[in-house]
């Protein structure tokens, strides 16, 4: 299964990641690779699926965009 996730730079460093298709699904990572892994782990956990079956396309967004996505849903 393939999901889209969005990532924005966190003020304290690292990345904040949201999966817009899964309401309220937000995680974080210290670097881009960890952010992508954490998004996969989050999706697998929410869907109760093996992480190996989850693929993520991670896209960088502007600061504040994740909050606006969370309020739209």
Foldseek 3Di string as FASTA:
>chain_A
DEFEKEWEADPVAWIWIDGLVDAPQIDTDRYPVRRQLVSLVSVCVVVVHPSVVYHYDYYYDYPPPVVVSNVVD
